[in-house]
Amino acid sequence: MKSNSFGKRLTEVRKDKKMSQDEVGKLVGVHGAVIGRYERDEVKPSIEIVHSWSKLLKCPWITLWALQTRYWKKTL
């Protein structure tokens, strides 16, 4: 994965798994529109959300979080 934001990484994982935003939303317990907001980087996740969602999506949490930490360091 080459994307550097949580939203882009989430989109890549979702598409790799051939899932819609609604399907991911049902899996993690939110509306599909919320997944869209995360994918567009309108909402930034907590580490708890990243960890929880990665378990449900069956991918390492670092896959979703890795480059996200660069974003947070730039904004602090």
N, C-alpha and C. Protein backbone atom coordinates (compact mmCIF):
# COMPACT_ATOMS: atom_id res chain seq x y z
N MET A 1 0.83 -1.19 0.00
CA MET A 1 0.00 0.00 0.00
C MET A 1 0.88 1.25 0.00
N LYS A 2 0.54 2.17 -0.85
CA LYS A 2 1.33 3.38 -0.98
C LYS A 2 0.62 4.61 -0.47
N SER A 3 -0.63 4.50 -0.12
CA SER A 3 -1.40 5.66 0.31
C SER A 3 -0.93 6.12 1.68
N ASN A 4 -1.06 7.43 1.92
CA ASN A 4 -0.54 7.95 3.16
C ASN A 4 -1.60 8.51 4.10
N SER A 5 -2.84 8.22 3.88
CA SER A 5 -3.88 8.65 4.82
C SER A 5 -4.72 7.44 5.20
N PHE A 6 -5.33 7.54 6.37
CA PHE A 6 -6.19 6.46 6.83
C PHE A 6 -7.30 6.21 5.81
N GLY A 7 -7.91 7.28 5.31
CA GLY A 7 -9.02 7.13 4.37
C GLY A 7 -8.64 6.38 3.11
N LYS A 8 -7.50 6.72 2.55
CA LYS A 8 -7.04 6.04 1.34
C LYS A 8 -6.70 4.58 1.62
N ARG A 9 -6.10 4.34 2.78
CA ARG A 9 -5.76 2.96 3.15
C ARG A 9 -7.03 2.14 3.40
N LEU A 10 -8.00 2.74 4.07
CA LEU A 10 -9.28 2.06 4.30
C LEU A 10 -9.94 1.72 2.98
N THR A 11 -9.93 2.66 2.05
CA THR A 11 -10.51 2.44 0.72
C THR A 11 -9.80 1.27 0.03
N GLU A 12 -8.48 1.25 0.10
CA GLU A 12 -7.73 0.16 -0.54
C GLU A 12 -8.06 -1.19 0.07
N VAL A 13 -8.12 -1.26 1.40
CA VAL A 13 -8.45 -2.52 2.07
C VAL A 13 -9.86 -2.95 1.67
N ARG A 14 -10.80 -2.01 1.69
CA ARG A 14 -12.19 -2.34 1.34
C ARG A 14 -12.29 -2.87 -0.08
N LYS A 15 -11.62 -2.18 -1.01
CA LYS A 15 -11.67 -2.61 -2.41
C LYS A 15 -10.95 -3.94 -2.62
N ASP A 16 -9.84 -4.16 -1.92
CA ASP A 16 -9.15 -5.45 -2.01
C ASP A 16 -10.05 -6.58 -1.57
N LYS A 17 -10.91 -6.30 -0.61
CA LYS A 17 -11.84 -7.32 -0.10
C LYS A 17 -13.15 -7.34 -0.88
N LYS A 18 -13.22 -6.49 -1.92
CA LYS A 18 -14.41 -6.42 -2.78
C LYS A 18 -15.68 -6.17 -1.97
N MET A 19 -15.59 -5.19 -1.07
CA MET A 19 -16.73 -4.84 -0.22
C MET A 19 -17.18 -3.41 -0.54
N SER A 20 -18.47 -3.17 -0.37
CA SER A 20 -19.01 -1.83 -0.52
C SER A 20 -18.85 -1.08 0.81
N GLN A 21 -19.05 0.23 0.76
CA GLN A 21 -19.03 1.01 2.00
C GLN A 21 -20.12 0.54 2.95
N ASP A 22 -21.28 0.21 2.41
CA ASP A 22 -22.38 -0.28 3.24
C ASP A 22 -22.02 -1.60 3.91
N GLU A 23 -21.36 -2.49 3.18
CA GLU A 23 -20.96 -3.78 3.76
C GLU A 23 -19.96 -3.59 4.89
N VAL A 24 -18.99 -2.72 4.68
CA VAL A 24 -18.01 -2.44 5.74
C VAL A 24 -18.71 -1.79 6.92
N GLY A 25 -19.61 -0.86 6.64
CA GLY A 25 -20.37 -0.21 7.70
C GLY A 25 -21.13 -1.21 8.56
N LYS A 26 -21.81 -2.15 7.93
CA LYS A 26 -22.55 -3.17 8.68
C LYS A 26 -21.59 -4.00 9.52
N LEU A 27 -20.44 -4.33 8.95
CA LEU A 27 -19.45 -5.15 9.66
C LEU A 27 -18.94 -4.45 10.91
N VAL A 28 -18.67 -3.15 10.80
CA VAL A 28 -18.08 -2.43 11.94
C VAL A 28 -19.12 -1.70 12.80
N GLY A 29 -20.38 -1.71 12.37
CA GLY A 29 -21.45 -1.15 13.18
C GLY A 29 -21.75 0.32 12.98
N VAL A 30 -21.49 0.82 11.76
CA VAL A 30 -21.84 2.20 11.44
C VAL A 30 -22.53 2.22 10.07
N HIS A 31 -23.13 3.34 9.74
CA HIS A 31 -23.77 3.48 8.44
C HIS A 31 -22.70 3.60 7.35
N GLY A 32 -22.99 3.14 6.17
CA GLY A 32 -22.05 3.22 5.06
C GLY A 32 -21.57 4.63 4.76
N ALA A 33 -22.44 5.62 5.01
CA ALA A 33 -22.06 7.01 4.79
C ALA A 33 -20.91 7.43 5.71
N VAL A 34 -20.86 6.85 6.89
CA VAL A 34 -19.78 7.14 7.83
C VAL A 34 -18.46 6.61 7.28
N ILE A 35 -18.51 5.44 6.68
CA ILE A 35 -17.30 4.88 6.05
C ILE A 35 -16.83 5.83 4.96
N GLY A 36 -17.75 6.37 4.19
CA GLY A 36 -17.40 7.34 3.15
C GLY A 36 -16.71 8.56 3.72
N ARG A 37 -17.16 9.04 4.86
CA ARG A 37 -16.52 10.20 5.50
C ARG A 37 -15.10 9.88 5.93
N TYR A 38 -14.90 8.67 6.45
CA TYR A 38 -13.54 8.26 6.81
C TYR A 38 -12.67 8.15 5.56
N GLU A 39 -13.22 7.56 4.51
CA GLU A 39 -12.45 7.37 3.28
C GLU A 39 -12.06 8.70 2.63
N ARG A 40 -12.88 9.71 2.79
CA ARG A 40 -12.57 11.04 2.25
C ARG A 40 -11.73 11.87 3.22
N ASP A 41 -11.34 11.25 4.33
CA ASP A 41 -10.53 11.91 5.36
C ASP A 41 -11.23 13.12 5.97
N GLU A 42 -12.55 13.07 6.02
CA GLU A 42 -13.32 14.13 6.68
C GLU A 42 -13.33 13.91 8.19
N VAL A 43 -13.10 12.66 8.57
CA VAL A 43 -13.08 12.26 9.98
C VAL A 43 -11.79 11.51 10.22
N LYS A 44 -11.10 11.82 11.30
CA LYS A 44 -9.86 11.13 11.66
C LYS A 44 -10.17 10.10 12.75
N PRO A 45 -9.68 8.89 12.60
CA PRO A 45 -9.99 7.83 13.57
C PRO A 45 -9.08 7.90 14.80
N SER A 46 -9.59 7.34 15.88
CA SER A 46 -8.74 7.12 17.05
C SER A 46 -8.01 5.80 16.83
N ILE A 47 -6.97 5.58 17.58
CA ILE A 47 -6.24 4.31 17.47
C ILE A 47 -7.16 3.15 17.85
N GLU A 48 -8.10 3.38 18.75
CA GLU A 48 -9.04 2.32 19.15
C GLU A 48 -9.92 1.90 17.98
N ILE A 49 -10.38 2.88 17.20
CA ILE A 49 -11.19 2.55 16.02
C ILE A 49 -10.36 1.78 15.01
N VAL A 50 -9.15 2.24 14.77
CA VAL A 50 -8.28 1.55 13.81
C VAL A 50 -8.06 0.11 14.24
N HIS A 51 -7.78 -0.10 15.50
CA HIS A 51 -7.52 -1.45 16.01
C HIS A 51 -8.76 -2.33 15.89
N SER A 52 -9.89 -1.80 16.30
CA SER A 52 -11.15 -2.56 16.24
C SER A 52 -11.53 -2.91 14.80
N TRP A 53 -11.49 -1.92 13.91
CA TRP A 53 -11.87 -2.15 12.53
C TRP A 53 -10.92 -3.10 11.83
N SER A 54 -9.63 -3.01 12.16
CA SER A 54 -8.67 -3.91 11.51
C SER A 54 -8.96 -5.37 11.87
N LYS A 55 -9.39 -5.60 13.10
CA LYS A 55 -9.77 -6.97 13.50
C LYS A 55 -10.95 -7.45 12.67
N LEU A 56 -11.96 -6.59 12.54
CA LEU A 56 -13.16 -6.97 11.80
C LEU A 56 -12.87 -7.14 10.31
N LEU A 57 -11.95 -6.33 9.77
CA LEU A 57 -11.59 -6.43 8.35
C LEU A 57 -10.50 -7.47 8.10
N LYS A 58 -10.02 -8.07 9.19
CA LYS A 58 -8.99 -9.12 9.12
C LYS A 58 -7.74 -8.64 8.38
N CYS A 59 -7.25 -7.50 8.83
CA CYS A 59 -5.99 -6.98 8.31
C CYS A 59 -5.20 -6.43 9.49
N PRO A 60 -3.89 -6.42 9.42
CA PRO A 60 -3.10 -5.88 10.53
C PRO A 60 -3.44 -4.41 10.76
N TRP A 61 -3.57 -4.01 12.01
CA TRP A 61 -3.95 -2.63 12.31
C TRP A 61 -2.93 -1.65 11.74
N ILE A 62 -1.68 -2.06 11.69
CA ILE A 62 -0.64 -1.17 11.18
C ILE A 62 -0.86 -0.86 9.69
N THR A 63 -1.55 -1.75 8.99
CA THR A 63 -1.88 -1.52 7.59
C THR A 63 -2.72 -0.25 7.44
N LEU A 64 -3.65 -0.05 8.35
CA LEU A 64 -4.50 1.13 8.30
C LEU A 64 -3.84 2.35 8.95
N TRP A 65 -3.01 2.13 9.94
CA TRP A 65 -2.49 3.22 10.75
C TRP A 65 -1.12 3.73 10.33
N ALA A 66 -0.28 2.88 9.77
CA ALA A 66 1.15 3.14 9.58
C ALA A 66 1.50 4.56 9.17
N LEU A 67 1.03 5.00 8.04
CA LEU A 67 1.40 6.32 7.57
C LEU A 67 0.53 7.42 8.16
N GLN A 68 -0.55 7.04 8.81
CA GLN A 68 -1.42 8.01 9.46
C GLN A 68 -0.63 8.77 10.52
N THR A 69 0.32 8.13 11.18
CA THR A 69 1.06 8.79 12.24
C THR A 69 1.85 9.98 11.70
N ARG A 70 2.27 9.93 10.46
CA ARG A 70 2.95 11.08 9.87
C ARG A 70 2.02 12.29 9.81
N TYR A 71 0.76 12.04 9.48
CA TYR A 71 -0.23 13.12 9.44
C TYR A 71 -0.35 13.77 10.82
N TRP A 72 -0.50 12.95 11.84
CA TRP A 72 -0.69 13.49 13.18
C TRP A 72 0.53 14.28 13.63
N LYS A 73 1.72 13.83 13.31
CA LYS A 73 2.92 14.54 13.71
C LYS A 73 2.98 15.92 13.04
N LYS A 74 2.53 16.01 11.81
CA LYS A 74 2.54 17.28 11.09
C LYS A 74 1.53 18.27 11.65
N THR A 75 0.45 17.76 12.21
CA THR A 75 -0.61 18.65 12.68
C THR A 75 -0.46 19.04 14.14
N LEU A 76 0.47 18.44 14.84
CA LEU A 76 0.64 18.74 16.27
C LEU A 76 1.53 19.94 16.48
